[in-house]
Amino acid sequence: MPAEGIFLRSGSGLTVLKQSAYDSESVLQTALADHPEVLAGPTTTGEDEAWLLLIRREMGVPSAENGAGTFSLDHLFIDGDGVPVLVEVKRSSDTRIRREVVGQMLDYAANAVKYWPVASLQDSLEKRAEAEGKSVDELLEQLRPGLDPV
C-alpha cells in the first residue's frame, strides 16, 4: 500500500513528512509571518502569482470610533491588490467550536472596516519597513513588482 501524505524531494529521494501538533500557537504564528506564501493561493489575486505582505502581527482592532484595540488579530497581511487579509491562528486542540471562531473573525472584519483608521494601518506598515531596514516602497515592490502605492 503506498504511503499517504506530503513528501519532500531531497536529491533523488523522497522523505515523508509526518504530521505533528504545534507546541503553541506562537510557533505557527511565527511560521506564517515568515512564510505567508503558504496562505496565498490563486484566489487571492486572480491568475497572477499570489503574494501576501505582513503588515503586523497582533494588530489591535478597535470596536469604537477613535477607540483602542479591543481585539487582537494574529496577523494582518495585504495581498497584491492591497486587500487586507486577516488571519487568526487556532490550535487543533482549541476546544471552542468552529462557529465561535468564525464569529470572532466576523467581529474582527466588521470592526476593522468600520473603525480602523487608515493612518494606523500606514503606521504599522512603516514600522514593519523600518524593522526590516527597508522603505515602504521596497516592501510594496516585493509584494507586487511595478505596484504604484499612490
N, C-alpha and C. Protein backbone atom coordinates (compact mmCIF):
# COMPACT_ATOMS: atom_id res chain seq x y z
N MET A 1 0.85 -1.17 0.00
CA MET A 1 0.00 0.00 0.00
C MET A 1 0.90 1.24 0.00
N PRO A 2 0.66 2.18 -0.91
CA PRO A 2 1.51 3.37 -0.96
C PRO A 2 1.30 4.27 0.27
N ALA A 3 2.37 4.93 0.66
CA ALA A 3 2.28 5.86 1.79
C ALA A 3 1.47 7.09 1.38
N GLU A 4 0.69 7.62 2.31
CA GLU A 4 -0.07 8.83 2.06
C GLU A 4 0.59 9.98 2.78
N GLY A 5 0.41 11.17 2.24
CA GLY A 5 0.94 12.33 2.94
C GLY A 5 1.60 13.30 1.99
N ILE A 6 2.40 14.14 2.58
CA ILE A 6 3.14 15.14 1.84
C ILE A 6 4.59 14.69 1.84
N PHE A 7 5.22 14.84 0.67
CA PHE A 7 6.58 14.37 0.51
C PHE A 7 7.51 15.53 0.22
N LEU A 8 8.72 15.41 0.71
CA LEU A 8 9.77 16.39 0.45
C LEU A 8 10.80 15.70 -0.44
N ARG A 9 11.05 16.31 -1.60
CA ARG A 9 12.06 15.75 -2.50
C ARG A 9 13.41 16.26 -2.04
N SER A 10 14.33 15.35 -1.77
CA SER A 10 15.70 15.73 -1.41
C SER A 10 16.63 14.87 -2.26
N GLY A 11 17.27 15.55 -3.22
CA GLY A 11 18.10 14.82 -4.18
C GLY A 11 17.22 13.93 -5.03
N SER A 12 17.56 12.65 -5.08
CA SER A 12 16.75 11.72 -5.86
C SER A 12 15.75 10.96 -4.98
N GLY A 13 15.75 11.26 -3.69
CA GLY A 13 14.85 10.55 -2.79
C GLY A 13 13.67 11.39 -2.34
N LEU A 14 12.74 10.72 -1.68
CA LEU A 14 11.57 11.38 -1.11
C LEU A 14 11.53 11.09 0.38
N THR A 15 11.18 12.10 1.14
CA THR A 15 11.01 11.94 2.57
C THR A 15 9.55 12.22 2.89
N VAL A 16 8.92 11.31 3.63
CA VAL A 16 7.53 11.52 4.04
C VAL A 16 7.54 12.47 5.23
N LEU A 17 6.77 13.55 5.12
CA LEU A 17 6.66 14.49 6.22
C LEU A 17 5.55 14.01 7.15
N LYS A 18 5.86 13.94 8.41
CA LYS A 18 4.91 13.45 9.41
C LYS A 18 4.14 14.62 10.02
N GLN A 19 2.86 14.43 10.19
CA GLN A 19 2.03 15.46 10.81
C GLN A 19 2.26 15.43 12.32
N SER A 20 2.41 16.62 12.89
CA SER A 20 2.56 16.73 14.34
C SER A 20 1.94 18.04 14.79
N ALA A 21 1.49 18.06 16.02
CA ALA A 21 0.86 19.26 16.58
C ALA A 21 1.93 20.28 16.92
N TYR A 22 1.56 21.55 16.85
CA TYR A 22 2.46 22.62 17.26
C TYR A 22 2.48 22.69 18.77
N ASP A 23 3.65 23.06 19.32
CA ASP A 23 3.77 23.19 20.76
C ASP A 23 2.91 24.34 21.28
N SER A 24 2.77 25.39 20.46
CA SER A 24 1.97 26.54 20.85
C SER A 24 1.51 27.26 19.60
N GLU A 25 0.51 28.12 19.75
CA GLU A 25 0.05 28.93 18.62
C GLU A 25 1.17 29.82 18.12
N SER A 26 2.04 30.26 19.00
CA SER A 26 3.13 31.16 18.65
C SER A 26 4.04 30.54 17.58
N VAL A 27 4.27 29.23 17.65
CA VAL A 27 5.12 28.56 16.67
C VAL A 27 4.51 28.69 15.28
N LEU A 28 3.22 28.45 15.16
CA LEU A 28 2.54 28.56 13.87
C LEU A 28 2.45 30.02 13.44
N GLN A 29 2.20 30.93 14.36
CA GLN A 29 2.14 32.35 14.02
C GLN A 29 3.46 32.83 13.43
N THR A 30 4.57 32.42 14.03
CA THR A 30 5.87 32.80 13.53
C THR A 30 6.11 32.21 12.14
N ALA A 31 5.75 30.96 11.95
CA ALA A 31 5.93 30.32 10.64
C ALA A 31 5.12 31.04 9.57
N LEU A 32 3.89 31.42 9.88
CA LEU A 32 3.06 32.13 8.91
C LEU A 32 3.61 33.53 8.61
N ALA A 33 4.10 34.20 9.63
CA ALA A 33 4.68 35.53 9.42
C ALA A 33 5.92 35.45 8.53
N ASP A 34 6.71 34.41 8.71
CA ASP A 34 7.94 34.25 7.93
C ASP A 34 7.69 33.68 6.53
N HIS A 35 6.59 32.94 6.37
CA HIS A 35 6.31 32.26 5.09
C HIS A 35 4.83 32.42 4.72
N PRO A 36 4.40 33.64 4.44
CA PRO A 36 2.99 33.85 4.12
C PRO A 36 2.55 33.17 2.82
N GLU A 37 3.51 32.72 2.03
CA GLU A 37 3.15 32.06 0.78
C GLU A 37 2.35 30.77 1.01
N VAL A 38 2.42 30.21 2.21
CA VAL A 38 1.62 29.01 2.46
C VAL A 38 0.13 29.34 2.55
N LEU A 39 -0.19 30.60 2.78
CA LEU A 39 -1.59 31.03 2.84
C LEU A 39 -2.12 31.48 1.49
N ALA A 40 -1.25 32.10 0.70
CA ALA A 40 -1.69 32.72 -0.55
C ALA A 40 -1.95 31.65 -1.60
N GLY A 41 -2.97 31.88 -2.38
CA GLY A 41 -3.30 30.98 -3.46
C GLY A 41 -3.87 31.77 -4.61
N PRO A 42 -4.26 31.09 -5.67
CA PRO A 42 -4.75 31.79 -6.85
C PRO A 42 -6.03 32.59 -6.59
N THR A 43 -6.73 32.31 -5.51
CA THR A 43 -7.95 33.06 -5.24
C THR A 43 -7.66 34.44 -4.65
N THR A 44 -6.42 34.67 -4.21
CA THR A 44 -6.11 35.94 -3.58
C THR A 44 -5.98 37.07 -4.58
N THR A 45 -5.31 36.81 -5.69
CA THR A 45 -5.08 37.88 -6.66
C THR A 45 -5.40 37.45 -8.08
N GLY A 46 -6.31 36.53 -8.25
CA GLY A 46 -6.66 36.10 -9.60
C GLY A 46 -5.64 35.13 -10.15
N GLU A 47 -5.25 35.32 -11.38
CA GLU A 47 -4.36 34.39 -12.04
C GLU A 47 -2.89 34.70 -11.82
N ASP A 48 -2.57 35.91 -11.37
CA ASP A 48 -1.18 36.25 -11.10
C ASP A 48 -0.67 35.46 -9.91
N GLU A 49 0.66 35.43 -9.75
CA GLU A 49 1.21 34.79 -8.57
C GLU A 49 0.67 35.50 -7.34
N ALA A 50 0.29 34.74 -6.36
CA ALA A 50 -0.29 35.32 -5.15
C ALA A 50 0.78 35.51 -4.10
N TRP A 51 0.87 36.72 -3.58
CA TRP A 51 1.81 37.04 -2.53
C TRP A 51 1.08 37.82 -1.45
N LEU A 52 1.53 37.65 -0.25
CA LEU A 52 0.99 38.41 0.86
C LEU A 52 2.14 39.15 1.54
N LEU A 53 1.86 40.34 2.00
CA LEU A 53 2.83 41.13 2.74
C LEU A 53 2.32 41.29 4.16
N LEU A 54 3.11 40.84 5.12
CA LEU A 54 2.74 41.00 6.52
C LEU A 54 2.82 42.47 6.89
N ILE A 55 1.73 43.01 7.37
CA ILE A 55 1.72 44.38 7.86
C ILE A 55 2.09 44.37 9.34
N ARG A 56 1.45 43.47 10.09
CA ARG A 56 1.73 43.43 11.52
C ARG A 56 1.16 42.16 12.14
N ARG A 57 1.87 41.65 13.13
CA ARG A 57 1.33 40.59 13.99
C ARG A 57 0.68 41.25 15.20
N GLU A 58 -0.30 40.59 15.76
CA GLU A 58 -1.00 41.10 16.94
C GLU A 58 -1.47 42.53 16.72
N MET A 59 -2.23 42.71 15.65
CA MET A 59 -2.75 44.03 15.28
C MET A 59 -4.02 44.31 16.07
N GLY A 60 -4.04 45.42 16.77
CA GLY A 60 -5.22 45.80 17.53
C GLY A 60 -6.35 46.22 16.60
N VAL A 61 -7.54 45.75 16.90
CA VAL A 61 -8.74 46.12 16.13
C VAL A 61 -9.69 46.84 17.08
N PRO A 62 -9.95 48.13 16.84
CA PRO A 62 -10.84 48.87 17.74
C PRO A 62 -12.30 48.46 17.53
N SER A 63 -13.12 48.73 18.54
CA SER A 63 -14.55 48.44 18.43
C SER A 63 -15.38 49.70 18.58
N ALA A 64 -14.72 50.86 18.51
CA ALA A 64 -15.41 52.14 18.59
C ALA A 64 -14.59 53.19 17.86
N GLU A 65 -15.25 54.24 17.44
CA GLU A 65 -14.58 55.36 16.77
C GLU A 65 -13.46 55.90 17.66
N ASN A 66 -12.26 56.03 17.12
CA ASN A 66 -11.08 56.51 17.86
C ASN A 66 -10.76 55.66 19.08
N GLY A 67 -11.22 54.42 19.08
CA GLY A 67 -11.00 53.54 20.23
C GLY A 67 -9.68 52.81 20.15
N ALA A 68 -9.26 52.30 21.29
CA ALA A 68 -8.06 51.47 21.35
C ALA A 68 -8.39 50.10 20.80
N GLY A 69 -7.38 49.28 20.60
CA GLY A 69 -7.60 47.94 20.09
C GLY A 69 -8.31 47.06 21.10
N THR A 70 -9.58 46.81 20.87
CA THR A 70 -10.37 45.93 21.74
C THR A 70 -10.00 44.48 21.49
N PHE A 71 -9.79 44.16 20.20
CA PHE A 71 -9.46 42.80 19.79
C PHE A 71 -8.01 42.77 19.35
N SER A 72 -7.41 41.59 19.31
CA SER A 72 -6.04 41.45 18.82
C SER A 72 -6.01 40.38 17.74
N LEU A 73 -5.85 40.83 16.51
CA LEU A 73 -5.79 39.95 15.35
C LEU A 73 -4.38 39.36 15.26
N ASP A 74 -4.27 38.06 15.01
CA ASP A 74 -2.96 37.42 14.97
C ASP A 74 -2.06 37.98 13.86
N HIS A 75 -2.61 38.14 12.64
CA HIS A 75 -1.82 38.65 11.52
C HIS A 75 -2.69 39.54 10.64
N LEU A 76 -2.11 40.63 10.21
CA LEU A 76 -2.73 41.44 9.17
C LEU A 76 -1.77 41.46 7.99
N PHE A 77 -2.23 40.93 6.87
CA PHE A 77 -1.48 40.94 5.62
C PHE A 77 -2.25 41.81 4.63
N ILE A 78 -1.59 42.18 3.53
CA ILE A 78 -2.29 42.70 2.37
C ILE A 78 -1.87 41.86 1.18
N ASP A 79 -2.77 41.70 0.22
CA ASP A 79 -2.42 40.97 -0.99
C ASP A 79 -1.93 41.94 -2.04
N GLY A 80 -1.62 41.45 -3.22
CA GLY A 80 -1.06 42.25 -4.29
C GLY A 80 -1.97 43.33 -4.80
N ASP A 81 -3.25 43.27 -4.47
CA ASP A 81 -4.20 44.31 -4.86
C ASP A 81 -4.48 45.27 -3.71
N GLY A 82 -3.75 45.11 -2.59
CA GLY A 82 -3.94 45.99 -1.44
C GLY A 82 -5.12 45.62 -0.58
N VAL A 83 -5.67 44.42 -0.77
CA VAL A 83 -6.82 43.97 0.01
C VAL A 83 -6.31 43.39 1.33
N PRO A 84 -6.85 43.85 2.46
CA PRO A 84 -6.43 43.29 3.75
C PRO A 84 -6.82 41.81 3.87
N VAL A 85 -5.90 41.03 4.43
CA VAL A 85 -6.14 39.62 4.68
C VAL A 85 -5.94 39.41 6.17
N LEU A 86 -7.01 39.08 6.87
CA LEU A 86 -6.98 38.90 8.31
C LEU A 86 -6.79 37.42 8.62
N VAL A 87 -5.82 37.10 9.48
CA VAL A 87 -5.52 35.71 9.81
C VAL A 87 -5.51 35.54 11.31
N GLU A 88 -6.26 34.58 11.77
CA GLU A 88 -6.30 34.21 13.18
C GLU A 88 -5.89 32.75 13.28
N VAL A 89 -4.98 32.44 14.18
CA VAL A 89 -4.44 31.09 14.31
C VAL A 89 -5.08 30.40 15.51
N LYS A 90 -5.49 29.17 15.30
CA LYS A 90 -6.03 28.35 16.40
C LYS A 90 -5.40 26.97 16.32
N ARG A 91 -5.06 26.42 17.45
CA ARG A 91 -4.55 25.05 17.51
C ARG A 91 -5.71 24.09 17.36
N SER A 92 -5.43 22.92 16.83
CA SER A 92 -6.48 21.92 16.66
C SER A 92 -7.03 21.46 18.01
N SER A 93 -6.26 21.64 19.07
CA SER A 93 -6.73 21.24 20.40
C SER A 93 -7.61 22.31 21.05
N ASP A 94 -7.79 23.46 20.38
CA ASP A 94 -8.66 24.52 20.91
C ASP A 94 -10.07 23.95 21.02
N THR A 95 -10.64 24.04 22.20
CA THR A 95 -11.93 23.40 22.44
C THR A 95 -13.13 24.23 21.99
N ARG A 96 -12.91 25.47 21.57
CA ARG A 96 -14.03 26.27 21.11
C ARG A 96 -14.56 25.72 19.79
N ILE A 97 -15.87 25.82 19.64
CA ILE A 97 -16.45 25.30 18.40
C ILE A 97 -16.10 26.21 17.24
N ARG A 98 -16.05 25.66 16.05
CA ARG A 98 -15.67 26.43 14.87
C ARG A 98 -16.57 27.64 14.67
N ARG A 99 -17.83 27.51 15.00
CA ARG A 99 -18.78 28.61 14.83
C ARG A 99 -18.34 29.82 15.65
N GLU A 100 -17.81 29.60 16.84
CA GLU A 100 -17.34 30.69 17.70
C GLU A 100 -16.13 31.38 17.06
N VAL A 101 -15.24 30.60 16.50
CA VAL A 101 -14.04 31.16 15.87
C VAL A 101 -14.42 31.95 14.62
N VAL A 102 -15.36 31.44 13.83
CA VAL A 102 -15.83 32.17 12.66
C VAL A 102 -16.48 33.48 13.09
N GLY A 103 -17.27 33.44 14.16
CA GLY A 103 -17.88 34.66 14.70
C GLY A 103 -16.83 35.66 15.14
N GLN A 104 -15.75 35.18 15.74
CA GLN A 104 -14.65 36.06 16.16
C GLN A 104 -14.07 36.77 14.94
N MET A 105 -13.83 36.05 13.86
CA MET A 105 -13.26 36.65 12.65
C MET A 105 -14.23 37.66 12.03
N LEU A 106 -15.52 37.34 12.06
CA LEU A 106 -16.50 38.29 11.53
C LEU A 106 -16.53 39.57 12.36
N ASP A 107 -16.40 39.45 13.67
CA ASP A 107 -16.29 40.63 14.54
C ASP A 107 -15.07 41.46 14.16
N TYR A 108 -13.93 40.79 13.99
CA TYR A 108 -12.70 41.49 13.62
C TYR A 108 -12.89 42.23 12.30
N ALA A 109 -13.41 41.53 11.30
CA ALA A 109 -13.56 42.13 9.97
C ALA A 109 -14.54 43.30 10.00
N ALA A 110 -15.66 43.14 10.66
CA ALA A 110 -16.67 44.21 10.71
C ALA A 110 -16.12 45.45 11.42
N ASN A 111 -15.46 45.24 12.54
CA ASN A 111 -14.89 46.37 13.28
C ASN A 111 -13.72 47.00 12.55
N ALA A 112 -12.92 46.19 11.87
CA ALA A 112 -11.80 46.72 11.10
C ALA A 112 -12.28 47.64 10.00
N VAL A 113 -13.30 47.22 9.28
CA VAL A 113 -13.84 48.03 8.19
C VAL A 113 -14.38 49.35 8.72
N LYS A 114 -15.03 49.30 9.86
CA LYS A 114 -15.69 50.49 10.38
C LYS A 114 -14.76 51.41 11.18
N TYR A 115 -13.81 50.83 11.94
CA TYR A 115 -13.08 51.65 12.90
C TYR A 115 -11.57 51.73 12.72
N TRP A 116 -10.97 50.95 11.82
CA TRP A 116 -9.52 51.04 11.64
C TRP A 116 -9.19 52.32 10.91
N PRO A 117 -8.47 53.23 11.50
CA PRO A 117 -8.06 54.43 10.77
C PRO A 117 -6.97 54.05 9.77
N VAL A 118 -7.05 54.57 8.56
CA VAL A 118 -6.05 54.30 7.53
C VAL A 118 -4.66 54.69 8.04
N ALA A 119 -4.58 55.78 8.79
CA ALA A 119 -3.28 56.23 9.32
C ALA A 119 -2.65 55.16 10.21
N SER A 120 -3.45 54.42 10.96
CA SER A 120 -2.95 53.35 11.82
C SER A 120 -2.35 52.22 10.98
N LEU A 121 -3.02 51.89 9.88
CA LEU A 121 -2.52 50.84 9.00
C LEU A 121 -1.23 51.28 8.32
N GLN A 122 -1.18 52.53 7.88
CA GLN A 122 0.02 53.06 7.26
C GLN A 122 1.18 53.08 8.26
N ASP A 123 0.89 53.47 9.49
CA ASP A 123 1.91 53.50 10.54
C ASP A 123 2.47 52.10 10.79
N SER A 124 1.60 51.11 10.82
CA SER A 124 2.05 49.72 11.02
C SER A 124 2.94 49.26 9.88
N LEU A 125 2.59 49.62 8.65
CA LEU A 125 3.41 49.26 7.50
C LEU A 125 4.77 49.97 7.58
N GLU A 126 4.78 51.24 7.97
CA GLU A 126 6.04 51.98 8.09
C GLU A 126 6.93 51.36 9.17
N LYS A 127 6.36 50.94 10.28
CA LYS A 127 7.14 50.30 11.35
C LYS A 127 7.70 48.97 10.87
N ARG A 128 6.93 48.24 10.11
CA ARG A 128 7.40 46.96 9.55
C ARG A 128 8.57 47.20 8.61
N ALA A 129 8.45 48.20 7.75
CA ALA A 129 9.53 48.52 6.81
C ALA A 129 10.79 48.92 7.58
N GLU A 130 10.62 49.76 8.58
CA GLU A 130 11.76 50.22 9.39
C GLU A 130 12.45 49.05 10.08
N ALA A 131 11.66 48.11 10.61
CA ALA A 131 12.22 46.94 11.29
C ALA A 131 13.05 46.08 10.34
N GLU A 132 12.70 46.10 9.06
CA GLU A 132 13.44 45.33 8.06
C GLU A 132 14.54 46.14 7.39
N GLY A 133 14.66 47.42 7.77
CA GLY A 133 15.66 48.27 7.15
C GLY A 133 15.35 48.59 5.70
N LYS A 134 14.06 48.67 5.39
CA LYS A 134 13.62 48.95 4.02
C LYS A 134 12.65 50.12 4.04
N SER A 135 12.35 50.61 2.87
CA SER A 135 11.30 51.62 2.75
C SER A 135 9.98 50.92 2.48
N VAL A 136 8.89 51.64 2.69
CA VAL A 136 7.56 51.10 2.38
C VAL A 136 7.49 50.74 0.90
N ASP A 137 8.06 51.60 0.04
CA ASP A 137 8.04 51.33 -1.40
C ASP A 137 8.76 50.03 -1.73
N GLU A 138 9.86 49.75 -1.03
CA GLU A 138 10.59 48.49 -1.27
C GLU A 138 9.76 47.28 -0.87
N LEU A 139 9.05 47.38 0.26
CA LEU A 139 8.18 46.27 0.67
C LEU A 139 7.07 46.05 -0.35
N LEU A 140 6.48 47.13 -0.80
CA LEU A 140 5.39 47.01 -1.77
C LEU A 140 5.91 46.48 -3.10
N GLU A 141 7.12 46.83 -3.47
CA GLU A 141 7.72 46.31 -4.71
C GLU A 141 7.93 44.80 -4.60
N GLN A 142 8.31 44.33 -3.41
CA GLN A 142 8.44 42.89 -3.17
C GLN A 142 7.09 42.20 -3.32
N LEU A 143 6.07 42.86 -2.81
CA LEU A 143 4.73 42.29 -2.86
C LEU A 143 4.26 42.15 -4.30
N ARG A 144 4.43 43.21 -5.06
CA ARG A 144 3.96 43.20 -6.44
C ARG A 144 4.82 44.17 -7.25
N PRO A 145 5.76 43.63 -8.00
CA PRO A 145 6.63 44.50 -8.80
C PRO A 145 5.81 45.42 -9.70
N GLY A 146 6.22 46.70 -9.71
CA GLY A 146 5.53 47.68 -10.54
C GLY A 146 4.30 48.29 -9.90
N LEU A 147 4.01 47.90 -8.65
CA LEU A 147 2.83 48.42 -7.96
C LEU A 147 3.03 49.91 -7.67
N ASP A 148 2.02 50.70 -8.00
CA ASP A 148 2.07 52.13 -7.71
C ASP A 148 1.32 52.35 -6.40
N PRO A 149 2.03 52.68 -5.30
CA PRO A 149 1.40 52.78 -3.99
C PRO A 149 0.49 53.98 -3.80
N VAL A 150 0.32 54.82 -4.80
CA VAL A 150 -0.50 56.03 -4.65
C VAL A 150 -1.93 55.72 -4.54
